[in-house]
Amino acid sequence: MIAVYPGSFDPATNGHLDIIERAARIFDQLIVTVFRNAGKNPLFTMEERVELLREATAHIPNVRIDSFGGLLTQYAKEQGARVLVKGLRAVSDFDYEFQMALMNKKLDPELETLFMMTGQKYSYLSSSIVKELAGFGGCIEGLVPPNVAKRLMETIEKSGVRKG
């Protein structure tokens, strides 16, 4: 069975990687797809996020990294996926994701949504927090995969986004 794990992944965190590794054990193929979120101004380009995820998940043979910019239900159908994987950190995530799952079910009644709680040690972690911490020169070791940490610090230095 094929599943899709969508997200903006700007940047991918160890919480995302936790969900990816666990979902990959459940499904024959997991497509991790970077999507364009019009409501966000990403630090990394879509291509950079795809590249960083490919590097961070290279050790997981049944994971494929992709990107898309349209309707998630249509993308899942084109990929032959019957399940969407959504990671949850806290109850606050559930409200939004529950609404999205219901809308996706209305658009495609055959598409299921699987909610996975991130590991407890990552429940506080978000891409926004990582970017803010890195922007102030804080230590992000253990919060993101090593390749992401390196690229994030380089990008912040080059862009002059550093706050501290």
Protein backbone atom coordinates (compact mmCIF):
# COMPACT_ATOMS: atom_id res chain seq x y z
CA MET A 1 0.00 0.00 0.00
CA ILE A 2 1.18 3.50 -0.86
CA ALA A 3 0.86 6.44 1.55
CA VAL A 4 1.61 10.13 1.17
CA TYR A 5 3.10 12.25 3.96
CA PRO A 6 2.68 15.89 2.91
CA GLY A 7 4.24 18.93 4.52
CA SER A 8 6.09 22.15 3.92
CA PHE A 9 9.24 20.78 5.65
CA ASP A 10 10.87 24.21 5.95
CA PRO A 11 13.07 22.80 7.33
CA ALA A 12 12.55 19.10 7.99
CA THR A 13 12.98 18.38 11.70
CA ASN A 14 13.76 15.23 13.64
CA GLY A 15 10.04 15.15 14.48
CA HIS A 16 9.29 14.84 10.76
CA LEU A 17 11.98 12.18 10.43
CA ASP A 18 10.43 10.27 13.35
CA ILE A 19 7.07 10.17 11.54
CA ILE A 20 8.75 9.22 8.23
CA GLU A 21 10.70 6.32 9.75
CA ARG A 22 7.66 4.95 11.60
CA ALA A 23 5.26 5.34 8.66
CA ALA A 24 7.79 3.66 6.34
CA ARG A 25 7.56 0.56 8.55
CA ILE A 26 3.78 0.44 8.04
CA PHE A 27 3.47 1.07 4.28
CA ASP A 28 5.05 -0.58 1.24
CA GLN A 29 5.92 2.85 -0.13
CA LEU A 30 5.84 6.23 1.59
CA ILE A 31 5.89 9.30 -0.60
CA VAL A 32 7.06 12.30 1.39
CA THR A 33 5.91 15.28 -0.58
CA VAL A 34 6.89 18.89 -0.13
CA PHE A 35 3.98 21.15 -0.93
CA ARG A 36 3.72 24.80 -1.73
CA ASN A 37 1.90 26.58 1.08
CA ALA A 38 0.71 29.99 -0.11
CA GLY A 39 0.31 31.12 3.50
CA LYS A 40 4.00 30.70 4.33
CA ASN A 41 7.16 32.45 3.20
CA PRO A 42 9.70 29.59 3.15
CA LEU A 43 13.36 29.99 3.98
CA PHE A 44 14.32 27.18 1.59
CA THR A 45 13.15 26.77 -1.98
CA MET A 46 11.00 23.76 -2.79
CA GLU A 47 13.97 22.19 -4.61
CA GLU A 48 16.21 22.68 -1.57
CA ARG A 49 13.63 21.12 0.75
CA VAL A 50 13.31 18.11 -1.57
CA GLU A 51 17.09 17.73 -1.71
CA LEU A 52 17.46 17.99 2.08
CA LEU A 53 14.74 15.38 2.63
CA ARG A 54 16.31 13.04 0.08
CA GLU A 55 19.62 13.26 1.94
CA ALA A 56 18.00 12.81 5.37
CA THR A 57 15.94 9.77 4.28
CA ALA A 58 18.49 8.05 2.03
CA HIS A 59 18.72 5.20 4.57
CA ILE A 60 15.02 4.31 4.18
CA PRO A 61 14.60 2.27 0.96
CA ASN A 62 10.81 2.53 0.60
CA VAL A 63 10.66 6.33 0.95
CA ARG A 64 10.40 8.56 -2.11
CA ILE A 65 10.64 12.34 -1.93
CA ASP A 66 8.53 14.45 -4.27
CA SER A 67 6.87 17.88 -4.48
CA PHE A 68 3.58 19.30 -5.67
CA GLY A 69 1.64 22.53 -5.77
CA GLY A 70 -1.97 21.52 -6.27
CA LEU A 71 -4.80 19.68 -4.55
CA LEU A 72 -3.55 16.97 -2.18
CA THR A 73 -6.39 14.56 -2.95
CA GLN A 74 -5.64 14.78 -6.68
CA TYR A 75 -1.92 14.26 -6.05
CA ALA A 76 -2.61 11.19 -3.89
CA LYS A 77 -4.85 9.72 -6.59
CA GLU A 78 -2.19 10.30 -9.28
CA GLN A 79 0.35 8.48 -7.10
CA GLY A 80 -1.97 5.54 -6.41
CA ALA A 81 -1.98 6.34 -2.69
CA ARG A 82 -4.97 5.47 -0.52
CA VAL A 83 -3.65 6.93 2.76
CA LEU A 84 -2.48 10.35 3.89
CA VAL A 85 -0.14 10.37 6.89
CA LYS A 86 -0.40 13.41 9.15
CA GLY A 87 1.91 14.00 12.08
CA LEU A 88 0.52 15.50 15.27
CA ARG A 89 2.51 17.09 18.08
CA ALA A 90 -0.26 18.32 20.34
CA VAL A 91 -4.03 18.66 20.61
CA SER A 92 -3.76 22.06 18.94
CA ASP A 93 -2.56 20.35 15.72
CA PHE A 94 -5.52 17.99 15.78
CA ASP A 95 -8.24 20.60 15.28
CA TYR A 96 -6.80 21.87 11.99
CA GLU A 97 -5.78 18.42 10.74
CA PHE A 98 -9.20 16.97 11.62
CA GLN A 99 -10.91 19.64 9.50
CA MET A 100 -8.51 18.95 6.62
CA ALA A 101 -9.11 15.19 6.90
CA LEU A 102 -12.86 15.70 6.68
CA MET A 103 -12.50 17.96 3.63
CA ASN A 104 -10.16 15.45 1.96
CA LYS A 105 -12.68 12.69 2.69
CA LYS A 106 -15.41 14.79 1.04
CA LEU A 107 -13.21 15.33 -2.02
CA ASP A 108 -12.17 11.66 -2.20
CA PRO A 109 -14.22 9.22 -0.08
CA GLU A 110 -11.68 6.44 -0.80
CA LEU A 111 -8.77 8.37 0.73
CA GLU A 112 -8.04 7.70 4.39
CA THR A 113 -6.06 9.89 6.81
CA LEU A 114 -3.79 8.28 9.39
CA PHE A 115 -2.80 10.51 12.31
CA MET A 116 0.52 9.67 13.93
CA MET A 117 1.68 11.27 17.14
CA THR A 118 5.29 12.32 16.96
CA GLY A 119 7.61 10.81 19.54
CA GLN A 120 7.32 12.50 22.94
CA LYS A 121 10.84 13.92 22.74
CA TYR A 122 9.81 15.89 19.63
CA SER A 123 6.35 17.05 20.74
CA TYR A 124 7.53 20.65 21.24
CA LEU A 125 9.45 20.82 17.98
CA SER A 126 8.36 22.80 14.92
CA SER A 127 10.12 24.14 11.84
CA SER A 128 9.28 27.69 12.96
CA ILE A 129 10.91 27.19 16.35
CA VAL A 130 14.02 25.70 14.73
CA LYS A 131 14.34 28.64 12.31
CA GLU A 132 13.90 31.15 15.12
CA LEU A 133 16.42 29.39 17.34
CA ALA A 134 18.94 29.16 14.50
CA GLY A 135 18.33 32.83 13.66
CA PHE A 136 19.45 33.76 17.16
CA GLY A 137 22.51 31.53 16.91
CA GLY A 138 21.10 28.87 19.24
CA CYS A 139 22.16 25.23 19.13
CA ILE A 140 19.92 23.18 16.83
CA GLU A 141 21.86 19.93 17.23
CA GLY A 142 19.47 17.03 17.80
CA LEU A 143 16.49 19.04 16.50
CA VAL A 144 17.07 18.53 12.78
CA PRO A 145 19.03 16.00 10.72
CA PRO A 146 22.75 16.95 10.46
CA ASN A 147 22.52 17.86 6.75
CA VAL A 148 19.61 20.19 7.51
CA ALA A 149 21.45 21.83 10.43
CA LYS A 150 24.46 22.55 8.24
CA ARG A 151 22.39 24.01 5.40
CA LEU A 152 20.17 25.99 7.76
CA MET A 153 23.13 27.71 9.42
CA GLU A 154 24.73 28.43 6.03
CA THR A 155 21.47 29.88 4.68
CA ILE A 156 20.97 32.10 7.72
CA GLU A 157 24.55 33.38 7.52
CA LYS A 158 24.27 34.12 3.79
CA SER A 159 20.86 35.75 3.97
CA GLY A 160 21.63 37.96 6.92
CA VAL A 161 18.52 36.66 8.74
CA ARG A 162 20.58 36.11 11.89
CA LYS A 163 19.07 38.04 14.78
CA GLY A 164 21.68 37.68 17.47
